[in-house]
PDB file of N, CA and C in Angstrom:
ATOM      1  N   MET A   1       0.036 -11.426  -4.987  1.00  0.00           N
ATOM      2  CA  MET A   1       0.689 -10.747  -3.883  1.00  0.00           C
ATOM      3  C   MET A   1       0.048 -11.245  -2.601  1.00  0.00           C
ATOM      4  N   LYS A   2       0.688 -12.149  -1.920  1.00  0.00           N
ATOM      5  CA  LYS A   2       0.142 -12.694  -0.687  1.00  0.00           C
ATOM      6  C   LYS A   2       0.872 -12.072   0.488  1.00  0.00           C
ATOM      7  N   CYS A   3       0.305 -10.983   0.999  1.00  0.00           N
ATOM      8  CA  CYS A   3       0.942 -10.309   2.117  1.00  0.00           C
ATOM      9  C   CYS A   3      -0.077  -9.476   2.869  1.00  0.00           C
ATOM     10  N   LYS A   4       0.336  -9.025   4.024  1.00  0.00           N
ATOM     11  CA  LYS A   4      -0.411  -8.025   4.766  1.00  0.00           C
ATOM     12  C   LYS A   4       0.354  -6.726   4.591  1.00  0.00           C
ATOM     13  N   LEU A   5      -0.321  -5.746   4.049  1.00  0.00           N
ATOM     14  CA  LEU A   5       0.272  -4.458   3.721  1.00  0.00           C
ATOM     15  C   LEU A   5      -0.291  -3.424   4.668  1.00  0.00           C
ATOM     16  N   LEU A   6       0.557  -2.714   5.369  1.00  0.00           N
ATOM     17  CA  LEU A   6       0.121  -1.664   6.271  1.00  0.00           C
ATOM     18  C   LEU A   6       0.487  -0.333   5.653  1.00  0.00           C
ATOM     19  N   LEU A   7      -0.502   0.508   5.430  1.00  0.00           N
ATOM     20  CA  LEU A   7      -0.288   1.832   4.858  1.00  0.00           C
ATOM     21  C   LEU A   7      -0.412   2.863   5.965  1.00  0.00           C
ATOM     22  N   LEU A   8       0.607   3.655   6.140  1.00  0.00           N
ATOM     23  CA  LEU A   8       0.584   4.725   7.130  1.00  0.00           C
ATOM     24  C   LEU A   8       0.601   6.051   6.384  1.00  0.00           C
ATOM     25  N   ALA A   9      -0.479   6.772   6.482  1.00  0.00           N
ATOM     26  CA  ALA A   9      -0.562   8.090   5.871  1.00  0.00           C
ATOM     27  C   ALA A   9      -0.925   9.068   6.979  1.00  0.00           C
ATOM     28  N   ASP A  10      -0.650  10.345   6.771  1.00  0.00           N
ATOM     29  CA  ASP A  10      -0.975  11.298   7.820  1.00  0.00           C
ATOM     30  C   ASP A  10      -2.482  11.390   8.044  1.00  0.00           C
ATOM     31  N   ALA A  11      -3.277  10.750   7.182  1.00  0.00           N
ATOM     32  CA  ALA A  11      -4.728  10.692   7.371  1.00  0.00           C
ATOM     33  C   ALA A  11      -5.130   9.506   8.236  1.00  0.00           C
ATOM     34  N   GLY A  12      -4.209   8.570   8.483  1.00  0.00           N
ATOM     35  CA  GLY A  12      -4.534   7.414   9.305  1.00  0.00           C
ATOM     36  C   GLY A  12      -3.730   6.197   8.926  1.00  0.00           C
ATOM     37  N   LYS A  13      -4.100   5.055   9.514  1.00  0.00           N
ATOM     38  CA  LYS A  13      -3.445   3.781   9.245  1.00  0.00           C
ATOM     39  C   LYS A  13      -4.458   2.854   8.596  1.00  0.00           C
ATOM     40  N   TYR A  14      -4.026   2.149   7.565  1.00  0.00           N
ATOM     41  CA  TYR A  14      -4.917   1.259   6.833  1.00  0.00           C
ATOM     42  C   TYR A  14      -4.217  -0.069   6.589  1.00  0.00           C
ATOM     43  N   LEU A  15      -4.937  -1.151   6.778  1.00  0.00           N
ATOM     44  CA  LEU A  15      -4.410  -2.482   6.532  1.00  0.00           C
ATOM     45  C   LEU A  15      -5.050  -3.042   5.276  1.00  0.00           C
ATOM     46  N   VAL A  16      -4.228  -3.561   4.390  1.00  0.00           N
ATOM     47  CA  VAL A  16      -4.713  -4.276   3.215  1.00  0.00           C
ATOM     48  C   VAL A  16      -4.231  -5.711   3.387  1.00  0.00           C
ATOM     49  N   ASP A  17      -5.165  -6.624   3.594  1.00  0.00           N
ATOM     50  CA  ASP A  17      -4.826  -8.025   3.828  1.00  0.00           C
ATOM     51  C   ASP A  17      -4.999  -8.791   2.526  1.00  0.00           C
ATOM     52  N   LEU A  18      -3.890  -9.147   1.916  1.00  0.00           N
ATOM     53  CA  LEU A  18      -3.888  -9.907   0.675  1.00  0.00           C
ATOM     54  C   LEU A  18      -3.356 -11.316   0.923  1.00  0.00           C
ATOM     55  N   LYS A  19      -3.250 -11.672   2.186  1.00  0.00           N
ATOM     56  CA  LYS A  19      -2.690 -12.970   2.555  1.00  0.00           C
ATOM     57  C   LYS A  19      -3.785 -13.986   2.871  1.00  0.00           C
ATOM     58  N   ASN A  20      -4.811 -13.545   3.548  1.00  0.00           N
ATOM     59  CA  ASN A  20      -5.872 -14.438   4.005  1.00  0.00           C
ATOM     60  C   ASN A  20      -7.129 -14.232   3.165  1.00  0.00           C
ATOM     61  N   LEU A  21      -7.656 -15.334   2.632  1.00  0.00           N
ATOM     62  CA  LEU A  21      -8.884 -15.248   1.842  1.00  0.00           C
ATOM     63  C   LEU A  21     -10.052 -14.889   2.736  1.00  0.00           C
ATOM     64  N   PRO A  22     -10.967 -14.072   2.330  1.00  0.00           N
ATOM     65  CA  PRO A  22     -11.119 -13.505   0.989  1.00  0.00           C
ATOM     66  C   PRO A  22     -10.358 -12.206   0.799  1.00  0.00           C
ATOM     67  N   GLY A  23      -9.474 -11.846   1.735  1.00  0.00           N
ATOM     68  CA  GLY A  23      -8.769 -10.570   1.650  1.00  0.00           C
ATOM     69  C   GLY A  23      -9.602  -9.502   2.328  1.00  0.00           C
ATOM     70  N   GLY A  24      -9.101  -8.311   2.351  1.00  0.00           N
ATOM     71  CA  GLY A  24      -9.865  -7.228   2.949  1.00  0.00           C
ATOM     72  C   GLY A  24      -9.009  -6.022   3.213  1.00  0.00           C
ATOM     73  N   CYS A  25      -9.667  -4.978   3.661  1.00  0.00           N
ATOM     74  CA  CYS A  25      -8.952  -3.764   4.024  1.00  0.00           C
ATOM     75  C   CYS A  25      -9.754  -3.045   5.094  1.00  0.00           C
ATOM     76  N   GLY A  26      -9.089  -2.185   5.804  1.00  0.00           N
ATOM     77  CA  GLY A  26      -9.761  -1.434   6.847  1.00  0.00           C
ATOM     78  C   GLY A  26      -8.778  -0.677   7.693  1.00  0.00           C
ATOM     79  N   ASN A  27      -9.304   0.007   8.687  1.00  0.00           N
ATOM     80  CA  ASN A  27      -8.429   0.795   9.539  1.00  0.00           C
ATOM     81  C   ASN A  27      -8.299   0.212  10.939  1.00  0.00           C
ATOM     82  N   GLU A  28      -8.666  -1.034  11.121  1.00  0.00           N
ATOM     83  CA  GLU A  28      -8.452  -1.746  12.386  1.00  0.00           C
ATOM     84  C   GLU A  28      -7.069  -2.389  12.334  1.00  0.00           C
ATOM     85  N   VAL A  29      -6.064  -1.680  12.806  1.00  0.00           N
ATOM     86  CA  VAL A  29      -4.692  -2.144  12.612  1.00  0.00           C
ATOM     87  C   VAL A  29      -3.907  -2.302  13.917  1.00  0.00           C
ATOM     88  N   SER A  30      -4.573  -2.355  15.050  1.00  0.00           N
ATOM     89  CA  SER A  30      -3.827  -2.487  16.293  1.00  0.00           C
ATOM     90  C   SER A  30      -3.130  -3.841  16.354  1.00  0.00           C
ATOM     91  N   ASN A  31      -1.862  -3.820  16.682  1.00  0.00           N
ATOM     92  CA  ASN A  31      -1.043  -5.034  16.838  1.00  0.00           C
ATOM     93  C   ASN A  31      -0.999  -5.907  15.588  1.00  0.00           C
ATOM     94  N   VAL A  32      -1.004  -5.308  14.434  1.00  0.00           N
ATOM     95  CA  VAL A  32      -0.947  -6.044  13.169  1.00  0.00           C
ATOM     96  C   VAL A  32       0.506  -6.339  12.829  1.00  0.00           C
ATOM     97  N   GLN A  33       0.788  -7.576  12.446  1.00  0.00           N
ATOM     98  CA  GLN A  33       2.108  -7.950  11.962  1.00  0.00           C
ATOM     99  C   GLN A  33       2.063  -7.906  10.445  1.00  0.00           C
ATOM    100  N   ALA A  34       2.483  -6.808   9.871  1.00  0.00           N
ATOM    101  CA  ALA A  34       2.456  -6.642   8.425  1.00  0.00           C
ATOM    102  C   ALA A  34       3.747  -7.172   7.814  1.00  0.00           C
ATOM    103  N   ASP A  35       3.648  -7.673   6.580  1.00  0.00           N
ATOM    104  CA  ASP A  35       4.828  -8.125   5.853  1.00  0.00           C
ATOM    105  C   ASP A  35       5.608  -6.937   5.297  1.00  0.00           C
ATOM    106  N   VAL A  36       4.885  -5.869   4.995  1.00  0.00           N
ATOM    107  CA  VAL A  36       5.515  -4.654   4.497  1.00  0.00           C
ATOM    108  C   VAL A  36       4.674  -3.461   4.951  1.00  0.00           C
ATOM    109  N   THR A  37       5.348  -2.389   5.350  1.00  0.00           N
ATOM    110  CA  THR A  37       4.684  -1.167   5.788  1.00  0.00           C
ATOM    111  C   THR A  37       5.107  -0.042   4.860  1.00  0.00           C
ATOM    112  N   LEU A  38       4.129   0.667   4.331  1.00  0.00           N
ATOM    113  CA  LEU A  38       4.369   1.803   3.454  1.00  0.00           C
ATOM    114  C   LEU A  38       3.933   3.070   4.171  1.00  0.00           C
ATOM    115  N   THR A  39       4.776   4.081   4.155  1.00  0.00           N
ATOM    116  CA  THR A  39       4.467   5.345   4.801  1.00  0.00           C
ATOM    117  C   THR A  39       4.518   6.448   3.750  1.00  0.00           C
ATOM    118  N   LEU A  40       3.447   7.245   3.689  1.00  0.00           N
ATOM    119  CA  LEU A  40       3.388   8.338   2.729  1.00  0.00           C
ATOM    120  C   LEU A  40       2.390   9.372   3.198  1.00  0.00           C
ATOM    121  N   ALA A  41       2.447  10.548   2.587  1.00  0.00           N
ATOM    122  CA  ALA A  41       1.538  11.639   2.927  1.00  0.00           C
ATOM    123  C   ALA A  41       0.142  11.351   2.376  1.00  0.00           C
ATOM    124  N   ARG A  42      -0.851  11.971   2.978  1.00  0.00           N
ATOM    125  CA  ARG A  42      -2.249  11.773   2.583  1.00  0.00           C
ATOM    126  C   ARG A  42      -2.462  12.064   1.102  1.00  0.00           C
ATOM    127  N   ASP A  43      -1.960  13.200   0.632  1.00  0.00           N
ATOM    128  CA  ASP A  43      -2.142  13.566  -0.778  1.00  0.00           C
ATOM    129  C   ASP A  43      -1.481  12.564  -1.718  1.00  0.00           C
ATOM    130  N   ASP A  44      -0.313  12.073  -1.335  1.00  0.00           N
ATOM    131  CA  ASP A  44       0.372  11.068  -2.153  1.00  0.00           C
ATOM    132  C   ASP A  44      -0.371   9.739  -2.122  1.00  0.00           C
ATOM    133  N   PHE A  45      -0.963   9.404  -0.975  1.00  0.00           N
ATOM    134  CA  PHE A  45      -1.787   8.202  -0.848  1.00  0.00           C
ATOM    135  C   PHE A  45      -2.937   8.258  -1.857  1.00  0.00           C
ATOM    136  N   ILE A  46      -3.611   9.385  -1.918  1.00  0.00           N
ATOM    137  CA  ILE A  46      -4.733   9.553  -2.846  1.00  0.00           C
ATOM    138  C   ILE A  46      -4.252   9.478  -4.291  1.00  0.00           C
ATOM    139  N   LYS A  47      -3.165  10.167  -4.592  1.00  0.00           N
ATOM    140  CA  LYS A  47      -2.630  10.136  -5.964  1.00  0.00           C
ATOM    141  C   LYS A  47      -2.249   8.719  -6.378  1.00  0.00           C
ATOM    142  N   MET A  48      -1.627   7.989  -5.474  1.00  0.00           N
ATOM    143  CA  MET A  48      -1.179   6.642  -5.796  1.00  0.00           C
ATOM    144  C   MET A  48      -2.358   5.705  -6.048  1.00  0.00           C
ATOM    145  N   PHE A  49      -3.379   5.792  -5.224  1.00  0.00           N
ATOM    146  CA  PHE A  49      -4.505   4.877  -5.361  1.00  0.00           C
ATOM    147  C   PHE A  49      -5.518   5.306  -6.420  1.00  0.00           C
ATOM    148  N   THR A  50      -5.369   6.506  -6.955  1.00  0.00           N
ATOM    149  CA  THR A  50      -6.220   6.919  -8.072  1.00  0.00           C
ATOM    150  C   THR A  50      -5.473   6.846  -9.396  1.00  0.00           C
ATOM    151  N   GLY A  51      -4.222   6.401  -9.370  1.00  0.00           N
ATOM    152  CA  GLY A  51      -3.457   6.211 -10.594  1.00  0.00           C
ATOM    153  C   GLY A  51      -2.749   7.453 -11.094  1.00  0.00           C
ATOM    154  N   LYS A  52      -2.711   8.509 -10.302  1.00  0.00           N
ATOM    155  CA  LYS A  52      -2.056   9.751 -10.730  1.00  0.00           C
ATOM    156  C   LYS A  52      -0.570   9.787 -10.383  1.00  0.00           C
ATOM    157  N   MET A  53      -0.116   8.810  -9.581  1.00  0.00           N
ATOM    158  CA  MET A  53       1.298   8.698  -9.243  1.00  0.00           C
ATOM    159  C   MET A  53       1.613   7.216  -9.067  1.00  0.00           C
ATOM    160  N   SER A  54       2.679   6.765  -9.674  1.00  0.00           N
ATOM    161  CA  SER A  54       3.042   5.356  -9.542  1.00  0.00           C
ATOM    162  C   SER A  54       3.795   5.142  -8.228  1.00  0.00           C
ATOM    163  N   PRO A  55       3.617   3.974  -7.611  1.00  0.00           N
ATOM    164  CA  PRO A  55       4.366   3.671  -6.399  1.00  0.00           C
ATOM    165  C   PRO A  55       5.882   3.733  -6.617  1.00  0.00           C
ATOM    166  N   THR A  56       6.330   3.327  -7.797  1.00  0.00           N
ATOM    167  CA  THR A  56       7.769   3.367  -8.085  1.00  0.00           C
ATOM    168  C   THR A  56       8.297   4.796  -8.064  1.00  0.00           C
ATOM    169  N   SER A  57       7.588   5.717  -8.733  1.00  0.00           N
ATOM    170  CA  SER A  57       8.047   7.105  -8.746  1.00  0.00           C
ATOM    171  C   SER A  57       7.934   7.735  -7.361  1.00  0.00           C
ATOM    172  N   ALA A  58       6.914   7.341  -6.592  1.00  0.00           N
ATOM    173  CA  ALA A  58       6.778   7.843  -5.222  1.00  0.00           C
ATOM    174  C   ALA A  58       7.958   7.380  -4.367  1.00  0.00           C
ATOM    175  N   PHE A  59       8.365   6.127  -4.533  1.00  0.00           N
ATOM    176  CA  PHE A  59       9.494   5.595  -3.776  1.00  0.00           C
ATOM    177  C   PHE A  59      10.798   6.264  -4.202  1.00  0.00           C
ATOM    178  N   MET A  60      11.009   6.382  -5.507  1.00  0.00           N
ATOM    179  CA  MET A  60      12.257   6.962  -6.015  1.00  0.00           C
ATOM    180  C   MET A  60      12.411   8.435  -5.633  1.00  0.00           C
ATOM    181  N   SER A  61      11.290   9.139  -5.480  1.00  0.00           N
ATOM    182  CA  SER A  61      11.352  10.549  -5.117  1.00  0.00           C
ATOM    183  C   SER A  61      11.360  10.760  -3.600  1.00  0.00           C
ATOM    184  N   GLY A  62      11.296   9.681  -2.832  1.00  0.00           N
ATOM    185  CA  GLY A  62      11.330   9.782  -1.381  1.00  0.00           C
ATOM    186  C   GLY A  62       9.976  10.051  -0.743  1.00  0.00           C
ATOM    187  N   ARG A  63       8.921  10.073  -1.527  1.00  0.00           N
ATOM    188  CA  ARG A  63       7.576  10.321  -0.980  1.00  0.00           C
ATOM    189  C   ARG A  63       6.991   9.083  -0.322  1.00  0.00           C
ATOM    190  N   LEU A  64       7.465   7.915  -0.723  1.00  0.00           N
ATOM    191  CA  LEU A  64       6.990   6.643  -0.191  1.00  0.00           C
ATOM    192  C   LEU A  64       8.133   5.951   0.528  1.00  0.00           C
ATOM    193  N   LYS A  65       7.931   5.657   1.797  1.00  0.00           N
ATOM    194  CA  LYS A  65       8.929   4.942   2.598  1.00  0.00           C
ATOM    195  C   LYS A  65       8.459   3.501   2.755  1.00  0.00           C
ATOM    196  N   VAL A  66       9.395   2.571   2.646  1.00  0.00           N
ATOM    197  CA  VAL A  66       9.068   1.152   2.734  1.00  0.00           C
ATOM    198  C   VAL A  66       9.842   0.532   3.886  1.00  0.00           C
ATOM    199  N   LYS A  67       9.116  -0.214   4.732  1.00  0.00           N
ATOM    200  CA  LYS A  67       9.743  -0.952   5.823  1.00  0.00           C
ATOM    201  C   LYS A  67       9.253  -2.388   5.709  1.00  0.00           C
ATOM    202  N   GLY A  68      10.164  -3.314   5.611  1.00  0.00           N
ATOM    203  CA  GLY A  68       9.792  -4.715   5.461  1.00  0.00           C
ATOM    204  C   GLY A  68      10.242  -5.247   4.121  1.00  0.00           C
ATOM    205  N   ASP A  69       9.468  -6.139   3.562  1.00  0.00           N
ATOM    206  CA  ASP A  69       9.815  -6.845   2.329  1.00  0.00           C
ATOM    207  C   ASP A  69       9.670  -5.943   1.106  1.00  0.00           C
ATOM    208  N   LEU A  70      10.785  -5.450   0.592  1.00  0.00           N
ATOM    209  CA  LEU A  70      10.772  -4.561  -0.563  1.00  0.00           C
ATOM    210  C   LEU A  70      10.232  -5.258  -1.807  1.00  0.00           C
ATOM    211  N   GLY A  71      10.479  -6.544  -1.936  1.00  0.00           N
ATOM    212  CA  GLY A  71       9.960  -7.308  -3.074  1.00  0.00           C
ATOM    213  C   GLY A  71       8.441  -7.285  -3.125  1.00  0.00           C
ATOM    214  N   LEU A  72       7.802  -7.405  -1.967  1.00  0.00           N
ATOM    215  CA  LEU A  72       6.346  -7.330  -1.913  1.00  0.00           C
ATOM    216  C   LEU A  72       5.865  -5.922  -2.235  1.00  0.00           C
ATOM    217  N   ALA A  73       6.571  -4.926  -1.748  1.00  0.00           N
ATOM    218  CA  ALA A  73       6.191  -3.545  -2.021  1.00  0.00           C
ATOM    219  C   ALA A  73       6.258  -3.247  -3.515  1.00  0.00           C
ATOM    220  N   MET A  74       7.211  -3.859  -4.208  1.00  0.00           N
ATOM    221  CA  MET A  74       7.365  -3.617  -5.640  1.00  0.00           C
ATOM    222  C   MET A  74       6.183  -4.188  -6.438  1.00  0.00           C
ATOM    223  N   LYS A  75       5.471  -5.155  -5.874  1.00  0.00           N
ATOM    224  CA  LYS A  75       4.310  -5.727  -6.547  1.00  0.00           C
ATOM    225  C   LYS A  75       3.082  -4.830  -6.440  1.00  0.00           C
ATOM    226  N   LEU A  76       3.160  -3.799  -5.618  1.00  0.00           N
ATOM    227  CA  LEU A  76       2.020  -2.911  -5.402  1.00  0.00           C
ATOM    228  C   LEU A  76       1.569  -2.224  -6.686  1.00  0.00           C
ATOM    229  N   GLU A  77       2.514  -1.801  -7.498  1.00  0.00           N
ATOM    230  CA  GLU A  77       2.159  -1.079  -8.728  1.00  0.00           C
ATOM    231  C   GLU A  77       1.302  -1.944  -9.659  1.00  0.00           C
ATOM    232  N   LYS A  78       1.684  -3.193  -9.830  1.00  0.00           N
ATOM    233  CA  LYS A  78       0.911  -4.100 -10.683  1.00  0.00           C
ATOM    234  C   LYS A  78      -0.484  -4.331 -10.107  1.00  0.00           C
ATOM    235  N   MET A  79      -0.547  -4.485  -8.783  1.00  0.00           N
ATOM    236  CA  MET A  79      -1.828  -4.703  -8.137  1.00  0.00           C
ATOM    237  C   MET A  79      -2.738  -3.488  -8.302  1.00  0.00           C
ATOM    238  N   LEU A  80      -2.185  -2.292  -8.132  1.00  0.00           N
ATOM    239  CA  LEU A  80      -2.989  -1.073  -8.265  1.00  0.00           C
ATOM    240  C   LEU A  80      -3.510  -0.919  -9.694  1.00  0.00           C
ATOM    241  N   LYS A  81      -2.677  -1.203 -10.683  1.00  0.00           N
ATOM    242  CA  LYS A  81      -3.108  -1.117 -12.087  1.00  0.00           C
ATOM    243  C   LYS A  81      -4.249  -2.087 -12.344  1.00  0.00           C
ATOM    244  N   SER A  82      -4.163  -3.270 -11.779  1.00  0.00           N
ATOM    245  CA  SER A  82      -5.215  -4.265 -11.950  1.00  0.00           C
ATOM    246  C   SER A  82      -6.521  -3.790 -11.318  1.00  0.00           C
ATOM    247  N   LEU A  83      -6.430  -3.216 -10.139  1.00  0.00           N
ATOM    248  CA  LEU A  83      -7.622  -2.706  -9.463  1.00  0.00           C
ATOM    249  C   LEU A  83      -8.240  -1.539 -10.219  1.00  0.00           C
ATOM    250  N   GLN A  84      -7.413  -0.629 -10.715  1.00  0.00           N
ATOM    251  CA  GLN A  84      -7.909   0.545 -11.419  1.00  0.00           C
ATOM    252  C   GLN A  84      -8.584   0.155 -12.727  1.00  0.00           C
ATOM    253  N   ALA A  85      -8.120  -0.903 -13.357  1.00  0.00           N
ATOM    254  CA  ALA A  85      -8.724  -1.366 -14.594  1.00  0.00           C
ATOM    255  C   ALA A  85     -10.132  -1.908 -14.354  1.00  0.00           C
ATOM    256  N   LYS A  86     -10.378  -2.378 -13.130  1.00  0.00           N
ATOM    257  CA  LYS A  86     -11.688  -2.944 -12.791  1.00  0.00           C
ATOM    258  C   LYS A  86     -12.680  -1.902 -12.329  1.00  0.00           C
ATOM    259  N   LEU A  87     -12.211  -0.700 -12.031  1.00  0.00           N
ATOM    260  CA  LEU A  87     -13.112   0.358 -11.537  1.00  0.00           C
ATOM    261  C   LEU A  87     -13.784   1.111 -12.664  1.00  0.00           C
TER     262      LEU A  87
END
């Protein structure tokens, strides 16, 4: 997944950079050109990143809003599963 992902939650804004090596994440997001922006509530953000809610089910239920490249957003679930397996 080579993209810049901007997550907007009511707890704040977070950038996940999967485009530029070595990658990174943080909350320094002023004037960021993201390939895809995901908007969700703080509690849903936590559930999604801890594996308690899949991004697909969050999107289908209207809890996750996607702006930008939907194809890249669909790769999020696989990426999260890979990360959770390493934790």
